[in-house]
Amino acid sequence: MTAMLTTKDLQELINVDRSTIYRMAESGKLPAIKVGRQWRFPAREIEIWLNGDTTAPAVPDEQPVGELAEMLLPGVTKPLADLLGSIFGVMVLVTDLNGQPLVDPANPCGLFKFVHQHPVTNPLCAATWRELGADPDGLPRFRPTPLGFECARGFIRVGPEVKGMVIMGGIAPTEWPPAADHVRAMAAELGVSADSIADHIDEVYYLDRSHQAWVLEYLPRISSLFSRIARERSRLVDRLDEIASLAAATNQRSAL
């Protein structure tokens, strides 16, 4: 049976008022089903709507301010990413759209930790994450990386703009470990021996199908949580700036 969201669930997810949700449901702009006098929203279709070509409506006072690194403070982002990595048993990254991590990767697998000791790995991974951000496919799905394991991403949105990603990875594909020629090619690209790669090749996360489905189900919600944190931070900064401007103007008048 398809999971259904209530109006309250949807309010928390996209941060708009109840009347806006009702208007969008009535007009057909939002995936919705009316049961008696109440609206219900198919969770999977809402995920597609949020992460596909149709974006969530921007609330007028939620215009994006600054860059994502300014909106998601490390003191909040890193503990949250660490918690998510522990809960889901995967590596978690929060990056901007250029593939640059905002904080250190949470719960990295052993293979990732080993290869990241080598300078060539950082730009290689950043390029991969940048490609994830450029991919127009909004649905989260597992994709291969140059290191052989897989990752999936959800978008962080602030107002009408996509600002960054939550990436869950370090996950072994169905066929693992990779063939010896792939290991040798990986080792050559990193400038290390194939034997050293082989020593860490099993240090990845093995997820069965139900666990993978669980990750993909919750990734859009996790991304929406980071989006909400960024929006609230932007709002707070705007209000503090307004207060500071008013205080400065008041002080100027008092000095005259």
C-alpha atoms as a PDB file:
ATOM      1  CA  MET A   1       0.000   0.000   0.000  1.00  0.00           C
ATOM      2  CA  THR A   2       1.274   3.481  -0.883  1.00  0.00           C
ATOM      3  CA  ALA A   3       2.295   5.538   2.167  1.00  0.00           C
ATOM      4  CA  MET A   4       0.251   8.719   2.580  1.00  0.00           C
ATOM      5  CA  LEU A   5       1.260  12.048   4.089  1.00  0.00           C
ATOM      6  CA  THR A   6      -1.143  14.283   6.018  1.00  0.00           C
ATOM      7  CA  THR A   7      -1.400  18.025   5.461  1.00  0.00           C
ATOM      8  CA  LYS A   8       0.650  18.555   8.635  1.00  0.00           C
ATOM      9  CA  ASP A   9       3.361  16.190   7.307  1.00  0.00           C
ATOM     10  CA  LEU A  10       3.508  18.167   4.067  1.00  0.00           C
ATOM     11  CA  GLN A  11       3.620  21.501   5.908  1.00  0.00           C
ATOM     12  CA  GLU A  12       6.723  20.347   7.780  1.00  0.00           C
ATOM     13  CA  LEU A  13       8.279  18.987   4.586  1.00  0.00           C
ATOM     14  CA  ILE A  14       7.930  22.032   2.306  1.00  0.00           C
ATOM     15  CA  ASN A  15       7.404  24.752   4.935  1.00  0.00           C
ATOM     16  CA  VAL A  16       4.320  26.472   3.502  1.00  0.00           C
ATOM     17  CA  ASP A  17       1.023  27.256   5.195  1.00  0.00           C
ATOM     18  CA  ARG A  18      -2.017  24.965   5.159  1.00  0.00           C
ATOM     19  CA  SER A  19      -4.102  27.195   2.876  1.00  0.00           C
ATOM     20  CA  THR A  20      -1.361  27.162   0.214  1.00  0.00           C
ATOM     21  CA  ILE A  21      -1.297  23.354   0.308  1.00  0.00           C
ATOM     22  CA  TYR A  22      -5.093  23.216  -0.063  1.00  0.00           C
ATOM     23  CA  ARG A  23      -5.027  25.610  -3.046  1.00  0.00           C
ATOM     24  CA  MET A  24      -2.293  23.601  -4.774  1.00  0.00           C
ATOM     25  CA  ALA A  25      -4.141  20.333  -4.142  1.00  0.00           C
ATOM     26  CA  GLU A  26      -7.424  21.769  -5.506  1.00  0.00           C
ATOM     27  CA  SER A  27      -5.696  23.133  -8.622  1.00  0.00           C
ATOM     28  CA  GLY A  28      -3.884  19.850  -9.341  1.00  0.00           C
ATOM     29  CA  LYS A  29      -0.434  21.379  -8.876  1.00  0.00           C
ATOM     30  CA  LEU A  30       0.291  18.958  -6.040  1.00  0.00           C
ATOM     31  CA  PRO A  31      -0.086  15.130  -6.060  1.00  0.00           C
ATOM     32  CA  ALA A  32      -3.114  14.686  -3.779  1.00  0.00           C
ATOM     33  CA  ILE A  33      -6.144  12.523  -3.035  1.00  0.00           C
ATOM     34  CA  LYS A  34      -9.253  13.780  -1.230  1.00  0.00           C
ATOM     35  CA  VAL A  35     -10.699  11.332   1.292  1.00  0.00           C
ATOM     36  CA  GLY A  36     -14.021  12.748   2.451  1.00  0.00           C
ATOM     37  CA  ARG A  37     -13.152  16.293   3.557  1.00  0.00           C
ATOM     38  CA  GLN A  38      -9.467  15.599   4.119  1.00  0.00           C
ATOM     39  CA  TRP A  39      -6.515  15.664   1.748  1.00  0.00           C
ATOM     40  CA  ARG A  40      -3.877  12.941   1.653  1.00  0.00           C
ATOM     41  CA  PHE A  41      -0.640  13.055  -0.331  1.00  0.00           C
ATOM     42  CA  PRO A  42       1.098   9.938  -1.807  1.00  0.00           C
ATOM     43  CA  ALA A  43       4.588   9.978  -0.267  1.00  0.00           C
ATOM     44  CA  ARG A  44       6.397   8.567  -3.304  1.00  0.00           C
ATOM     45  CA  GLU A  45       4.744  11.044  -5.712  1.00  0.00           C
ATOM     46  CA  ILE A  46       5.562  13.923  -3.362  1.00  0.00           C
ATOM     47  CA  GLU A  47       9.228  12.824  -3.368  1.00  0.00           C
ATOM     48  CA  ILE A  48       9.209  12.824  -7.176  1.00  0.00           C
ATOM     49  CA  TRP A  49       7.500  16.223  -7.221  1.00  0.00           C
ATOM     50  CA  LEU A  50      10.014  17.712  -4.770  1.00  0.00           C
ATOM     51  CA  ASN A  51      13.120  16.312  -6.432  1.00  0.00           C
ATOM     52  CA  GLY A  52      12.108  16.312 -10.076  1.00  0.00           C
ATOM     53  CA  ASP A  53      11.590  19.122 -12.576  1.00  0.00           C
ATOM     54  CA  THR A  54       8.810  20.650 -10.471  1.00  0.00           C
ATOM     55  CA  THR A  55      10.219  22.417  -7.438  1.00  0.00           C
ATOM     56  CA  ALA A  56       8.595  23.312  -4.169  1.00  0.00           C
ATOM     57  CA  PRO A  57       6.912  26.738  -4.121  1.00  0.00           C
ATOM     58  CA  ALA A  58       9.068  29.521  -2.755  1.00  0.00           C
ATOM     59  CA  VAL A  59       7.628  31.418   0.177  1.00  0.00           C
ATOM     60  CA  PRO A  60       8.144  35.163  -0.422  1.00  0.00           C
ATOM     61  CA  ASP A  61      10.245  35.773   2.703  1.00  0.00           C
ATOM     62  CA  GLU A  62      12.494  32.786   2.023  1.00  0.00           C
ATOM     63  CA  GLN A  63      14.738  34.179  -0.676  1.00  0.00           C
ATOM     64  CA  PRO A  64      18.162  32.522  -0.487  1.00  0.00           C
ATOM     65  CA  VAL A  65      20.920  34.505   1.191  1.00  0.00           C
ATOM     66  CA  GLY A  66      24.635  33.829   0.783  1.00  0.00           C
ATOM     67  CA  GLU A  67      26.220  30.469   0.073  1.00  0.00           C
ATOM     68  CA  LEU A  68      25.265  27.121   1.541  1.00  0.00           C
ATOM     69  CA  ALA A  69      28.349  27.011   3.778  1.00  0.00           C
ATOM     70  CA  GLU A  70      27.051  30.176   5.465  1.00  0.00           C
ATOM     71  CA  MET A  71      23.603  28.681   5.984  1.00  0.00           C
ATOM     72  CA  LEU A  72      24.618  25.260   7.339  1.00  0.00           C
ATOM     73  CA  LEU A  73      26.949  25.774  10.270  1.00  0.00           C
ATOM     74  CA  PRO A  74      29.516  22.978  10.855  1.00  0.00           C
ATOM     75  CA  GLY A  75      28.455  22.710  14.491  1.00  0.00           C
ATOM     76  CA  VAL A  76      25.027  21.535  13.323  1.00  0.00           C
ATOM     77  CA  THR A  77      25.843  19.855  10.013  1.00  0.00           C
ATOM     78  CA  LYS A  78      28.625  17.544  11.227  1.00  0.00           C
ATOM     79  CA  PRO A  79      26.801  16.053  14.270  1.00  0.00           C
ATOM     80  CA  LEU A  80      23.680  15.537  12.157  1.00  0.00           C
ATOM     81  CA  ALA A  81      25.657  13.848   9.385  1.00  0.00           C
ATOM     82  CA  ASP A  82      27.441  11.665  11.985  1.00  0.00           C
ATOM     83  CA  LEU A  83      24.092  10.631  13.454  1.00  0.00           C
ATOM     84  CA  LEU A  84      22.643   9.791  10.029  1.00  0.00           C
ATOM     85  CA  GLY A  85      25.733   7.770   9.118  1.00  0.00           C
ATOM     86  CA  SER A  86      25.376   5.722  12.304  1.00  0.00           C
ATOM     87  CA  ILE A  87      21.632   5.178  11.843  1.00  0.00           C
ATOM     88  CA  PHE A  88      21.751   4.159   8.178  1.00  0.00           C
ATOM     89  CA  GLY A  89      25.141   2.415   8.274  1.00  0.00           C
ATOM     90  CA  VAL A  90      26.582   4.345   5.314  1.00  0.00           C
ATOM     91  CA  MET A  91      28.933   7.230   4.609  1.00  0.00           C
ATOM     92  CA  VAL A  92      27.220  10.642   4.598  1.00  0.00           C
ATOM     93  CA  LEU A  93      28.480  13.815   2.918  1.00  0.00           C
ATOM     94  CA  VAL A  94      26.990  17.290   2.717  1.00  0.00           C
ATOM     95  CA  THR A  95      28.358  19.230  -0.249  1.00  0.00           C
ATOM     96  CA  ASP A  96      27.695  22.312  -2.319  1.00  0.00           C
ATOM     97  CA  LEU A  97      26.821  21.965  -6.001  1.00  0.00           C
ATOM     98  CA  ASN A  98      30.514  22.119  -6.922  1.00  0.00           C
ATOM     99  CA  GLY A  99      31.069  18.859  -5.054  1.00  0.00           C
ATOM    100  CA  GLN A 100      32.960  20.533  -2.205  1.00  0.00           C
ATOM    101  CA  PRO A 101      32.163  18.989   1.205  1.00  0.00           C
ATOM    102  CA  LEU A 102      30.965  21.475   3.826  1.00  0.00           C
ATOM    103  CA  VAL A 103      32.263  19.240   6.637  1.00  0.00           C
ATOM    104  CA  ASP A 104      34.377  16.080   6.827  1.00  0.00           C
ATOM    105  CA  PRO A 105      32.621  12.925   5.574  1.00  0.00           C
ATOM    106  CA  ALA A 106      30.638  11.169   8.290  1.00  0.00           C
ATOM    107  CA  ASN A 107      31.091   7.440   8.888  1.00  0.00           C
ATOM    108  CA  PRO A 108      33.489   6.924   5.928  1.00  0.00           C
ATOM    109  CA  CYS A 109      34.148   3.356   4.851  1.00  0.00           C
ATOM    110  CA  GLY A 110      37.684   1.952   5.149  1.00  0.00           C
ATOM    111  CA  LEU A 111      38.341   2.011   1.392  1.00  0.00           C
ATOM    112  CA  PHE A 112      37.380   5.681   1.195  1.00  0.00           C
ATOM    113  CA  LYS A 113      39.589   6.562   4.175  1.00  0.00           C
ATOM    114  CA  PHE A 114      42.551   4.726   2.631  1.00  0.00           C
ATOM    115  CA  VAL A 115      42.342   6.298  -0.830  1.00  0.00           C
ATOM    116  CA  HIS A 116      41.775   9.775   0.612  1.00  0.00           C
ATOM    117  CA  GLN A 117      45.266   9.710   2.046  1.00  0.00           C
ATOM    118  CA  HIS A 118      46.456  10.321  -1.528  1.00  0.00           C
ATOM    119  CA  PRO A 119      46.254  13.854  -2.995  1.00  0.00           C
ATOM    120  CA  VAL A 120      44.810  12.826  -6.365  1.00  0.00           C
ATOM    121  CA  THR A 121      41.672  11.408  -4.729  1.00  0.00           C
ATOM    122  CA  ASN A 122      40.144  14.670  -3.497  1.00  0.00           C
ATOM    123  CA  PRO A 123      39.706  16.328  -6.921  1.00  0.00           C
ATOM    124  CA  LEU A 124      38.605  12.989  -8.403  1.00  0.00           C
ATOM    125  CA  CYS A 125      35.820  12.595  -5.842  1.00  0.00           C
ATOM    126  CA  ALA A 126      34.843  16.279  -6.041  1.00  0.00           C
ATOM    127  CA  ALA A 127      34.401  15.895  -9.808  1.00  0.00           C
ATOM    128  CA  THR A 128      32.171  12.862  -9.246  1.00  0.00           C
ATOM    129  CA  TRP A 129      30.031  14.710  -6.697  1.00  0.00           C
ATOM    130  CA  ARG A 130      29.840  17.726  -9.018  1.00  0.00           C
ATOM    131  CA  GLU A 131      28.455  15.432 -11.742  1.00  0.00           C
ATOM    132  CA  LEU A 132      25.800  14.240  -9.300  1.00  0.00           C
ATOM    133  CA  GLY A 133      24.731  17.838  -8.780  1.00  0.00           C
ATOM    134  CA  ALA A 134      24.566  18.488 -12.519  1.00  0.00           C
ATOM    135  CA  ASP A 135      22.467  15.392 -13.242  1.00  0.00           C
ATOM    136  CA  PRO A 136      18.882  16.593 -13.916  1.00  0.00           C
ATOM    137  CA  ASP A 137      17.378  13.311 -12.669  1.00  0.00           C
ATOM    138  CA  GLY A 138      15.769  14.353  -9.406  1.00  0.00           C
ATOM    139  CA  LEU A 139      15.024  10.877  -8.081  1.00  0.00           C
ATOM    140  CA  PRO A 140      17.634   9.447  -5.699  1.00  0.00           C
ATOM    141  CA  ARG A 141      19.227   6.284  -7.044  1.00  0.00           C
ATOM    142  CA  PHE A 142      22.514   4.497  -6.559  1.00  0.00           C
ATOM    143  CA  ARG A 143      25.232   5.426  -9.035  1.00  0.00           C
ATOM    144  CA  PRO A 144      28.771   4.094  -9.478  1.00  0.00           C
ATOM    145  CA  THR A 145      31.810   6.139  -8.419  1.00  0.00           C
ATOM    146  CA  PRO A 146      35.419   5.980  -9.698  1.00  0.00           C
ATOM    147  CA  LEU A 147      36.323   3.945  -6.614  1.00  0.00           C
ATOM    148  CA  GLY A 148      33.818   1.291  -7.606  1.00  0.00           C
ATOM    149  CA  PHE A 149      31.340   1.621  -4.778  1.00  0.00           C
ATOM    150  CA  GLU A 150      27.988   3.368  -5.147  1.00  0.00           C
ATOM    151  CA  CYS A 151      26.323   6.478  -3.781  1.00  0.00           C
ATOM    152  CA  ALA A 152      22.971   8.289  -3.993  1.00  0.00           C
ATOM    153  CA  ARG A 153      22.168  11.956  -3.517  1.00  0.00           C
ATOM    154  CA  GLY A 154      19.306  14.237  -2.576  1.00  0.00           C
ATOM    155  CA  PHE A 155      19.147  17.979  -3.222  1.00  0.00           C
ATOM    156  CA  ILE A 156      19.281  20.731  -0.612  1.00  0.00           C
ATOM    157  CA  ARG A 157      16.974  23.557  -1.701  1.00  0.00           C
ATOM    158  CA  VAL A 158      16.759  27.083  -0.334  1.00  0.00           C
ATOM    159  CA  GLY A 159      13.729  28.915  -1.682  1.00  0.00           C
ATOM    160  CA  PRO A 160      13.567  28.232  -5.431  1.00  0.00           C
ATOM    161  CA  GLU A 161      17.244  27.327  -5.752  1.00  0.00           C
ATOM    162  CA  VAL A 162      19.132  24.049  -5.419  1.00  0.00           C
ATOM    163  CA  LYS A 163      22.137  24.872  -3.239  1.00  0.00           C
ATOM    164  CA  GLY A 164      23.773  21.542  -2.385  1.00  0.00           C
ATOM    165  CA  MET A 165      23.459  17.814  -1.805  1.00  0.00           C
ATOM    166  CA  VAL A 166      23.268  15.143   0.829  1.00  0.00           C
ATOM    167  CA  ILE A 167      25.199  12.124  -0.462  1.00  0.00           C
ATOM    168  CA  MET A 168      25.016   8.628   1.020  1.00  0.00           C
ATOM    169  CA  GLY A 169      27.703   6.265  -0.217  1.00  0.00           C
ATOM    170  CA  GLY A 170      30.490   3.788   0.352  1.00  0.00           C
ATOM    171  CA  ILE A 171      28.042   1.061  -0.675  1.00  0.00           C
ATOM    172  CA  ALA A 172      29.142  -2.110  -2.452  1.00  0.00           C
ATOM    173  CA  PRO A 173      27.326  -2.826  -5.744  1.00  0.00           C
ATOM    174  CA  THR A 174      25.903  -6.254  -6.481  1.00  0.00           C
ATOM    175  CA  GLU A 175      29.170  -7.451  -8.038  1.00  0.00           C
ATOM    176  CA  TRP A 176      31.881  -6.821  -5.456  1.00  0.00           C
ATOM    177  CA  PRO A 177      34.845  -6.929  -5.117  1.00  0.00           C
ATOM    178  CA  PRO A 178      35.722  -5.489  -8.547  1.00  0.00           C
ATOM    179  CA  ALA A 179      37.764  -7.395 -11.083  1.00  0.00           C
ATOM    180  CA  ALA A 180      41.554  -7.425 -10.740  1.00  0.00           C
ATOM    181  CA  ASP A 181      42.047  -5.186 -13.799  1.00  0.00           C
ATOM    182  CA  HIS A 182      39.762  -2.549 -12.249  1.00  0.00           C
ATOM    183  CA  VAL A 183      41.747  -2.683  -9.017  1.00  0.00           C
ATOM    184  CA  ARG A 184      44.996  -2.278 -10.952  1.00  0.00           C
ATOM    185  CA  ALA A 185      43.584   0.690 -12.890  1.00  0.00           C
ATOM    186  CA  MET A 186      42.398   2.297  -9.651  1.00  0.00           C
ATOM    187  CA  ALA A 187      45.815   1.763  -8.067  1.00  0.00           C
ATOM    188  CA  ALA A 188      47.610   3.249 -11.081  1.00  0.00           C
ATOM    189  CA  GLU A 189      45.401   6.349 -11.010  1.00  0.00           C
ATOM    190  CA  LEU A 190      46.136   6.852  -7.314  1.00  0.00           C
ATOM    191  CA  GLY A 191      49.804   6.073  -7.641  1.00  0.00           C
ATOM    192  CA  VAL A 192      49.731   3.196  -5.148  1.00  0.00           C
ATOM    193  CA  SER A 193      50.214  -0.542  -5.425  1.00  0.00           C
ATOM    194  CA  ALA A 194      47.337  -2.820  -6.399  1.00  0.00           C
ATOM    195  CA  ASP A 195      48.079  -4.919  -3.305  1.00  0.00           C
ATOM    196  CA  SER A 196      47.468  -1.932  -1.021  1.00  0.00           C
ATOM    197  CA  ILE A 197      44.084  -1.345  -2.652  1.00  0.00           C
ATOM    198  CA  ALA A 198      43.273  -5.053  -2.337  1.00  0.00           C
ATOM    199  CA  ASP A 199      43.982  -4.869   1.402  1.00  0.00           C
ATOM    200  CA  HIS A 200      41.050  -2.425   1.806  1.00  0.00           C
ATOM    201  CA  ILE A 201      38.741  -3.533  -1.000  1.00  0.00           C
ATOM    202  CA  ASP A 202      36.292  -5.269   1.364  1.00  0.00           C
ATOM    203  CA  GLU A 203      36.064  -2.243   3.665  1.00  0.00           C
ATOM    204  CA  VAL A 204      32.825  -0.975   2.161  1.00  0.00           C
ATOM    205  CA  TYR A 205      29.195  -1.124   3.291  1.00  0.00           C
ATOM    206  CA  TYR A 206      27.176  -4.152   2.226  1.00  0.00           C
ATOM    207  CA  LEU A 207      23.463  -3.348   2.067  1.00  0.00           C
ATOM    208  CA  ASP A 208      20.749  -5.817   1.144  1.00  0.00           C
ATOM    209  CA  ARG A 209      17.864  -4.722  -1.083  1.00  0.00           C
ATOM    210  CA  SER A 210      15.580  -3.717   1.779  1.00  0.00           C
ATOM    211  CA  HIS A 211      18.336  -1.638   3.379  1.00  0.00           C
ATOM    212  CA  GLN A 212      19.060   0.079   0.048  1.00  0.00           C
ATOM    213  CA  ALA A 213      15.348   0.815  -0.406  1.00  0.00           C
ATOM    214  CA  TRP A 214      15.268   2.275   3.118  1.00  0.00           C
ATOM    215  CA  VAL A 215      18.136   4.649   2.273  1.00  0.00           C
ATOM    216  CA  LEU A 216      16.475   5.777  -0.972  1.00  0.00           C
ATOM    217  CA  GLU A 217      13.124   6.250   0.769  1.00  0.00           C
ATOM    218  CA  TYR A 218      14.507   8.540   3.459  1.00  0.00           C
ATOM    219  CA  LEU A 219      17.143  10.428   1.484  1.00  0.00           C
ATOM    220  CA  PRO A 220      14.639  13.026   0.112  1.00  0.00           C
ATOM    221  CA  ARG A 221      13.332  13.608   3.648  1.00  0.00           C
ATOM    222  CA  ILE A 222      16.854  14.017   4.988  1.00  0.00           C
ATOM    223  CA  SER A 223      17.657  16.485   2.208  1.00  0.00           C
ATOM    224  CA  SER A 224      14.468  18.386   3.037  1.00  0.00           C
ATOM    225  CA  LEU A 225      15.574  18.569   6.678  1.00  0.00           C
ATOM    226  CA  PHE A 226      18.891  20.154   5.674  1.00  0.00           C
ATOM    227  CA  SER A 227      16.936  22.481   3.357  1.00  0.00           C
ATOM    228  CA  ARG A 228      14.763  23.581   6.245  1.00  0.00           C
ATOM    229  CA  ILE A 229      17.781  24.206   8.478  1.00  0.00           C
ATOM    230  CA  ALA A 230      19.364  26.351   5.756  1.00  0.00           C
ATOM    231  CA  ARG A 231      16.141  28.313   5.199  1.00  0.00           C
ATOM    232  CA  GLU A 232      15.672  29.002   8.897  1.00  0.00           C
ATOM    233  CA  ARG A 233      19.297  30.089   9.217  1.00  0.00           C
ATOM    234  CA  SER A 234      18.856  32.492   6.281  1.00  0.00           C
ATOM    235  CA  ARG A 235      15.721  33.925   7.830  1.00  0.00           C
ATOM    236  CA  LEU A 236      17.444  34.401  11.174  1.00  0.00           C
ATOM    237  CA  VAL A 237      20.440  36.154   9.579  1.00  0.00           C
ATOM    238  CA  ASP A 238      18.091  38.468   7.648  1.00  0.00           C
ATOM    239  CA  ARG A 239      16.189  39.375  10.802  1.00  0.00           C
ATOM    240  CA  LEU A 240      19.359  39.974  12.788  1.00  0.00           C
ATOM    241  CA  ASP A 241      20.626  42.239   9.991  1.00  0.00           C
ATOM    242  CA  GLU A 242      17.343  44.174  10.079  1.00  0.00           C
ATOM    243  CA  ILE A 243      17.595  44.559  13.860  1.00  0.00           C
ATOM    244  CA  ALA A 244      21.205  45.728  13.572  1.00  0.00           C
ATOM    245  CA  SER A 245      20.223  48.287  10.902  1.00  0.00           C
ATOM    246  CA  LEU A 246      17.342  49.585  13.019  1.00  0.00           C
ATOM    247  CA  ALA A 247      19.598  49.811  16.064  1.00  0.00           C
ATOM    248  CA  ALA A 248      22.231  51.728  14.075  1.00  0.00           C
ATOM    249  CA  ALA A 249      19.597  54.118  12.720  1.00  0.00           C
ATOM    250  CA  THR A 250      18.201  54.660  16.232  1.00  0.00           C
ATOM    251  CA  ASN A 251      21.662  55.383  17.619  1.00  0.00           C
ATOM    252  CA  GLN A 252      22.300  57.903  14.826  1.00  0.00           C
ATOM    253  CA  ARG A 253      19.063  59.754  15.600  1.00  0.00           C
ATOM    254  CA  SER A 254      19.872  59.729  19.316  1.00  0.00           C
ATOM    255  CA  ALA A 255      23.298  61.241  18.619  1.00  0.00           C
ATOM    256  CA  LEU A 256      21.785  64.186  16.697  1.00  0.00           C
END
